[in-house]
């Protein structure tokens, strides 16, 4: 009898252990992480908001989501002027873009003021996915990586309409290499697709943020991006068009160089989302989240939402056609 009871107890422990480790594996499988790896020391591209006497200039690079994903954080690495206090980095804004010709007025890739819009970001951002530190939808922390770093080539002012797109870049820059760790206090929900990530950094004083390049193709410790595209840039004078930093602007080798930018994104994939535009999308998504995380309260907590209502609101927006 005692032997039989021990066997039953052992069997129960085996089942519980299997369920426990299965839960861990399931949780790990839902984690999303993409990174272009370390900087390659080749280039710095301006990315800043408009301010007095300064044009808004945007640098964007691509990533792929294979499933509906809640994006909760990001990191970017860039260069600021020597001896600039880290406290002078006063705001960060992040936008996400579809690929051209989605969200674009003219679907002709050769119809704009640039050599080509093929595989560029769209004209305008995904409005519901914009996050801004000044509006409280993201927070950020700055870390000094190297007080004396440099790049041999920059793209700052030479962002011109065709036929003057090719400038071969601008002079070298030296300064402080910094990493900005971004938390989306209002997480970003996006369906599976190929997107562009565009951060802008406001640095007070005389400094700017030069987004630093990363190897292309991506190298370890970066994570491979299927169909990895090159980085693009534009300023207010070029909108709504974009230029390829390597192919259009630098263009000093045969074939022309291509660049990634140094960033990472983290989040959680959603196992059973509804289909945006369908009548049952919201109900199906919420039901799937409750099953995936054990309850809707647990889902809100695990995904970084401030409340269940914030989660509900985000997925209501996600489900809109």
Protein backbone atom coordinates (compact mmCIF):
# COMPACT_ATOMS: atom_id res chain seq x y z
CA UNK A 1 0.00 0.00 0.00
CA UNK A 2 2.78 2.39 0.95
CA UNK A 3 4.67 1.47 -2.22
CA UNK A 4 1.57 2.15 -4.30
CA UNK A 5 1.07 5.55 -2.64
CA UNK A 6 4.68 6.50 -3.29
CA UNK A 7 4.30 5.55 -6.94
CA UNK A 8 1.18 7.73 -7.23
CA UNK A 9 2.96 10.63 -5.54
CA UNK A 10 5.96 10.25 -7.83
CA UNK A 11 3.69 10.19 -10.85
CA UNK A 12 1.93 13.35 -9.70
CA UNK A 13 5.25 15.12 -9.20
CA UNK A 14 6.35 14.13 -12.70
CA UNK A 15 3.12 15.54 -14.17
CA UNK A 16 3.45 18.79 -12.19
CA UNK A 17 7.09 19.17 -13.22
CA UNK A 18 6.18 18.62 -16.86
CA UNK A 19 3.45 21.25 -16.62
CA UNK A 20 5.85 23.67 -14.92
CA UNK A 21 8.62 23.35 -17.47
CA UNK A 22 6.12 23.36 -20.31
CA UNK A 23 4.80 26.67 -18.98
CA UNK A 24 8.33 28.08 -18.86
CA UNK A 25 9.04 26.93 -22.42
CA UNK A 26 5.72 28.38 -23.60
CA UNK A 27 6.49 31.73 -21.94
CA UNK A 28 9.97 31.78 -23.49
CA UNK A 29 8.54 31.01 -26.92
CA UNK A 30 6.34 34.11 -26.75
CA UNK A 31 9.23 36.51 -26.14
CA UNK A 32 10.07 38.80 -29.05
CA UNK A 33 13.55 40.23 -29.49
CA UNK A 34 15.25 41.73 -32.51
CA UNK A 35 18.66 43.41 -32.59
CA UNK A 36 21.02 44.67 -35.27
CA UNK A 37 23.94 43.95 -32.91
CA UNK A 38 26.84 46.23 -32.11
CA UNK A 39 27.85 49.42 -33.90
CA UNK A 40 30.29 49.03 -36.79
CA UNK A 41 31.99 52.44 -36.42
CA UNK A 42 31.27 53.44 -40.02
CA UNK A 43 28.57 56.11 -40.01
CA UNK A 44 26.39 58.45 -37.95
CA UNK A 45 23.06 59.65 -39.36
CA UNK A 46 21.17 62.57 -37.86
CA UNK A 47 17.83 61.86 -36.17
CA UNK A 48 16.30 64.87 -34.38
CA UNK A 49 13.01 66.76 -34.06
CA UNK A 50 12.53 70.24 -35.47
CA UNK A 51 13.67 73.13 -33.29
CA UNK A 52 14.66 76.76 -33.77
CA UNK A 53 16.82 76.96 -36.89
CA UNK A 54 16.99 73.15 -37.24
CA UNK A 55 15.09 70.95 -39.67
CA UNK A 56 13.47 67.78 -38.47
CA UNK A 57 15.61 64.89 -39.72
CA UNK A 58 14.51 61.26 -39.48
CA UNK A 59 16.54 58.06 -39.80
CA UNK A 60 14.69 54.75 -40.02
CA UNK A 61 15.61 51.06 -40.23
CA UNK A 62 13.47 47.97 -40.73
CA UNK A 63 12.39 44.92 -38.74
CA UNK A 64 9.94 42.05 -39.21
CA UNK A 65 7.12 40.73 -37.01
CA UNK A 66 6.07 37.16 -37.79
CA UNK A 67 3.14 37.31 -35.35
CA UNK A 68 1.00 39.96 -33.71
CA UNK A 69 3.34 41.45 -31.11
CA UNK A 70 3.14 43.78 -28.14
CA UNK A 71 6.35 45.84 -28.26
CA UNK A 72 7.37 47.05 -24.81
CA UNK A 73 10.88 48.41 -25.20
CA UNK A 74 13.73 49.47 -27.46
CA UNK A 75 17.37 50.52 -27.35
CA UNK A 76 19.23 52.85 -29.68
CA UNK A 77 22.90 53.79 -29.81
CA UNK A 78 24.16 57.13 -31.03
CA UNK A 79 26.81 59.82 -30.86
CA UNK A 80 26.46 63.23 -29.17
CA UNK A 81 28.96 66.09 -29.02
CA UNK A 82 31.98 65.80 -26.70
CA UNK A 83 31.39 66.62 -23.02
CA UNK A 84 27.64 66.96 -23.49
CA UNK A 85 25.88 66.22 -20.17
CA UNK A 86 23.66 63.17 -20.53
CA UNK A 87 20.88 65.23 -18.94
CA UNK A 88 20.84 67.32 -22.15
CA UNK A 89 19.05 64.42 -23.84
CA UNK A 90 15.63 65.72 -22.90
CA UNK A 91 13.21 63.78 -25.09
CA UNK A 92 12.80 60.73 -27.31
CA UNK A 93 10.01 60.12 -29.79
CA UNK A 94 9.50 56.83 -31.64
CA UNK A 95 7.45 56.25 -34.78
CA UNK A 96 6.71 53.08 -36.72
CA UNK A 97 6.09 52.97 -40.46
CA UNK A 98 4.66 50.53 -42.96
CA UNK A 99 6.61 49.84 -46.14
CA UNK A 100 5.90 51.94 -49.22
CA UNK A 101 3.40 52.19 -50.95
CA UNK A 102 1.14 51.65 -47.90
CA UNK A 103 0.16 54.98 -46.28
CA UNK A 104 1.62 56.83 -49.28
CA UNK A 105 -0.05 59.29 -51.65
CA UNK A 106 1.78 58.31 -54.84
CA UNK A 107 2.26 54.54 -55.29
CA UNK A 108 4.77 55.02 -58.13
CA UNK A 109 8.23 54.26 -56.67
CA UNK A 110 9.85 56.48 -59.31
CA UNK A 111 7.34 59.31 -59.03
CA UNK A 112 8.89 61.30 -56.20
CA UNK A 113 11.89 63.57 -55.66
CA UNK A 114 14.28 60.66 -54.96
CA UNK A 115 15.82 57.96 -57.16
CA UNK A 116 13.42 55.26 -55.87
CA UNK A 117 10.91 54.61 -53.11
CA UNK A 118 11.04 50.81 -53.47
CA UNK A 119 11.34 49.26 -49.99
CA UNK A 120 11.31 52.67 -48.29
CA UNK A 121 9.23 53.65 -45.27
CA UNK A 122 5.78 54.97 -46.18
CA UNK A 123 4.96 58.68 -46.44
CA UNK A 124 3.46 58.90 -42.95
CA UNK A 125 3.82 57.04 -39.69
CA UNK A 126 1.36 54.61 -38.10
CA UNK A 127 -0.32 57.27 -35.98
CA UNK A 128 -1.60 54.93 -33.26
CA UNK A 129 1.93 53.53 -32.72
CA UNK A 130 3.74 56.82 -32.05
CA UNK A 131 5.24 57.09 -28.56
CA UNK A 132 6.67 60.30 -27.09
CA UNK A 133 8.49 60.92 -23.83
CA UNK A 134 7.06 64.43 -23.55
CA UNK A 135 3.55 62.95 -23.67
CA UNK A 136 4.27 60.23 -21.12
CA UNK A 137 3.81 57.33 -23.53
CA UNK A 138 7.44 56.29 -23.16
CA UNK A 139 10.22 56.69 -20.63
CA UNK A 140 13.96 56.48 -21.27
CA UNK A 141 17.32 56.20 -19.55
CA UNK A 142 20.68 57.21 -21.02
CA UNK A 143 23.94 55.35 -20.46
CA UNK A 144 27.43 56.47 -21.52
CA UNK A 145 29.19 53.72 -23.47
CA UNK A 146 32.34 55.53 -24.60
CA UNK A 147 33.35 59.14 -23.80
CA UNK A 148 35.59 59.34 -26.88
CA UNK A 149 34.07 57.64 -29.90
CA UNK A 150 34.07 58.61 -33.56
CA UNK A 151 32.77 57.78 -37.03
CA UNK A 152 34.53 58.62 -40.33
CA UNK A 153 31.34 59.60 -42.19
CA UNK A 154 28.14 61.40 -41.25
CA UNK A 155 24.85 62.34 -42.92
CA UNK A 156 23.51 65.56 -41.39
CA UNK A 157 22.68 68.27 -43.91
CA UNK A 158 23.36 66.64 -47.27
CA UNK A 159 19.87 65.22 -47.76
CA UNK A 160 18.89 66.48 -51.19
CA UNK A 161 16.28 65.87 -53.84
CA UNK A 162 17.39 64.17 -57.06
CA UNK A 163 19.49 64.74 -59.10
CA UNK A 164 21.66 65.98 -56.22
CA UNK A 165 21.09 63.07 -53.85
CA UNK A 166 24.62 61.70 -53.91
CA UNK A 167 26.96 63.71 -51.69
CA UNK A 168 29.25 60.84 -50.53
CA UNK A 169 28.47 61.87 -46.98
CA UNK A 170 29.83 64.57 -44.71
CA UNK A 171 32.91 64.87 -42.47
CA UNK A 172 33.75 62.65 -39.52
CA UNK A 173 32.37 63.24 -36.03
CA UNK A 174 33.79 62.61 -32.57
CA UNK A 175 31.90 62.58 -29.31
CA UNK A 176 30.24 60.49 -26.63
CA UNK A 177 28.71 57.17 -27.61
CA UNK A 178 25.48 56.68 -25.68
CA UNK A 179 22.83 54.03 -25.37
CA UNK A 180 19.23 55.05 -24.80
CA UNK A 181 17.04 52.41 -23.17
CA UNK A 182 13.38 53.06 -24.02
CA UNK A 183 10.33 51.67 -22.22
CA UNK A 184 6.96 52.05 -23.89
CA UNK A 185 4.75 52.92 -20.92
CA UNK A 186 1.90 52.50 -23.39
CA UNK A 187 2.98 49.34 -25.26
CA UNK A 188 2.74 49.20 -29.06
CA UNK A 189 0.54 46.49 -30.61
CA UNK A 190 1.28 45.61 -34.24
CA UNK A 191 0.19 42.70 -36.47
CA UNK A 192 2.63 40.54 -38.43
CA UNK A 193 4.32 42.63 -41.12
CA UNK A 194 7.59 44.23 -42.29
CA UNK A 195 7.99 47.63 -40.58
CA UNK A 196 10.38 50.54 -40.10
CA UNK A 197 11.47 51.87 -36.69
CA UNK A 198 12.24 55.60 -36.45
CA UNK A 199 13.55 57.15 -33.21
CA UNK A 200 14.14 60.89 -32.82
CA UNK A 201 16.22 62.34 -30.00
CA UNK A 202 16.15 65.91 -28.71
CA UNK A 203 19.50 67.11 -27.35
CA UNK A 204 19.51 70.62 -25.90
CA UNK A 205 22.42 72.97 -26.44
CA UNK A 206 24.58 72.74 -29.55
CA UNK A 207 24.59 68.94 -29.83
CA UNK A 208 22.60 66.55 -31.99
CA UNK A 209 22.00 62.80 -31.92
CA UNK A 210 23.75 60.82 -34.66
CA UNK A 211 22.17 57.38 -34.94
CA UNK A 212 25.11 54.97 -35.34
CA UNK A 213 25.29 52.32 -38.05
CA UNK A 214 25.47 48.56 -37.52
CA UNK A 215 26.82 45.80 -39.81
CA UNK A 216 24.83 44.76 -42.86
CA UNK A 217 24.38 41.83 -43.10
CA UNK A 218 23.70 41.60 -39.37
CA UNK A 219 26.41 39.92 -37.31
CA UNK A 220 26.35 38.32 -33.85
CA UNK A 221 25.22 39.30 -31.27
CA UNK A 222 22.56 40.69 -33.60
CA UNK A 223 19.55 38.64 -34.69
CA UNK A 224 18.91 37.94 -38.36
CA UNK A 225 16.04 39.87 -39.96
CA UNK A 226 14.37 38.11 -42.87
CA UNK A 227 14.64 40.27 -45.98
CA UNK A 228 16.71 42.86 -44.10
CA UNK A 229 16.50 46.24 -45.85
CA UNK A 230 18.87 49.19 -45.66
CA UNK A 231 18.43 52.33 -43.57
CA UNK A 232 16.69 55.42 -44.98
CA UNK A 233 16.75 59.12 -44.07
CA UNK A 234 14.81 62.32 -44.82
CA UNK A 235 14.41 65.86 -43.55
CA UNK A 236 11.50 68.27 -43.68
CA UNK A 237 12.53 69.52 -47.13
CA UNK A 238 12.41 66.00 -48.57
CA UNK A 239 9.09 64.84 -47.10
CA UNK A 240 7.17 62.73 -47.93
CA UNK A 241 10.07 60.99 -49.72
CA UNK A 242 13.03 59.12 -48.22
CA UNK A 243 16.61 58.51 -49.41
CA UNK A 244 18.68 55.35 -48.94
CA UNK A 245 21.64 56.36 -46.81
CA UNK A 246 24.06 54.03 -48.57
CA UNK A 247 22.75 53.63 -52.12
CA UNK A 248 21.55 57.18 -52.71
CA UNK A 249 23.67 59.44 -50.47
CA UNK A 250 27.03 57.76 -49.75
CA UNK A 251 27.25 55.80 -53.04
CA UNK A 252 31.07 55.68 -53.07
CA UNK A 253 31.66 52.04 -54.01
CA UNK A 254 30.49 49.53 -56.60
CA UNK A 255 28.03 48.22 -55.56
CA UNK A 256 27.04 51.09 -53.25
CA UNK A 257 27.27 50.43 -49.50
CA UNK A 258 24.24 49.60 -47.39
CA UNK A 259 23.76 50.35 -43.70
CA UNK A 260 21.74 49.14 -40.78
CA UNK A 261 21.29 51.30 -37.69
CA UNK A 262 22.06 50.09 -34.15
CA UNK A 263 18.84 49.29 -32.31
CA UNK A 264 16.89 46.55 -30.61
CA UNK A 265 13.22 45.90 -29.86
CA UNK A 266 11.67 43.68 -27.20
CA UNK A 267 8.15 42.47 -26.56
CA UNK A 268 5.79 39.51 -26.44
CA UNK A 269 4.03 37.71 -29.27
CA UNK A 270 0.30 37.04 -29.01
CA UNK A 271 -0.66 33.41 -29.55
CA UNK A 272 -4.28 33.74 -30.72
CA UNK A 273 -5.12 37.26 -31.89
CA UNK A 274 -8.25 38.11 -33.80
CA UNK A 275 -8.14 39.52 -37.31
CA UNK A 276 -8.26 43.34 -37.53
CA UNK A 277 -11.40 44.51 -39.28
CA UNK A 278 -13.41 41.41 -38.35
CA UNK A 279 -16.42 41.78 -36.06
CA UNK A 280 -15.14 39.20 -33.56
CA UNK A 281 -11.55 40.50 -33.49
CA UNK A 282 -11.66 42.12 -30.06
CA UNK A 283 -13.52 39.31 -28.32
CA UNK A 284 -11.31 36.64 -29.86
CA UNK A 285 -8.15 38.54 -28.94
CA UNK A 286 -9.16 39.14 -25.32
CA UNK A 287 -10.23 35.51 -24.95
CA UNK A 288 -6.89 34.39 -26.39
CA UNK A 289 -4.95 36.67 -24.05
CA UNK A 290 -6.83 35.31 -21.01
CA UNK A 291 -5.98 31.78 -22.10
CA UNK A 292 -2.34 32.59 -22.92
CA UNK A 293 -1.62 34.33 -19.61
CA UNK A 294 -4.15 32.70 -17.29
CA UNK A 295 -6.38 35.76 -16.90
CA UNK A 296 -6.86 39.16 -18.48
CA UNK A 297 -5.38 40.82 -15.37
CA UNK A 298 -2.26 38.66 -15.69
CA UNK A 299 -2.07 39.53 -19.40
CA UNK A 300 -2.16 43.28 -18.67
CA UNK A 301 0.61 42.90 -16.11
CA UNK A 302 2.81 40.63 -18.24
CA UNK A 303 2.48 42.84 -21.32
CA UNK A 304 3.34 46.08 -19.51
CA UNK A 305 -0.04 47.80 -19.60
CA UNK A 306 -0.90 50.12 -16.74
CA UNK A 307 -4.34 48.55 -16.34
CA UNK A 308 -6.78 46.10 -17.88
CA UNK A 309 -8.61 49.06 -19.38
CA UNK A 310 -5.39 50.23 -21.09
CA UNK A 311 -4.98 46.75 -22.57
CA UNK A 312 -8.62 46.71 -23.71
CA UNK A 313 -8.21 50.12 -25.34
CA UNK A 314 -5.04 49.11 -27.18
CA UNK A 315 -6.59 45.98 -28.62
CA UNK A 316 -9.73 47.88 -29.57
CA UNK A 317 -7.50 50.13 -31.66
CA UNK A 318 -5.62 47.08 -32.99
CA UNK A 319 -8.90 45.53 -34.17
CA UNK A 320 -10.13 48.59 -36.06
CA UNK A 321 -10.03 48.13 -39.86
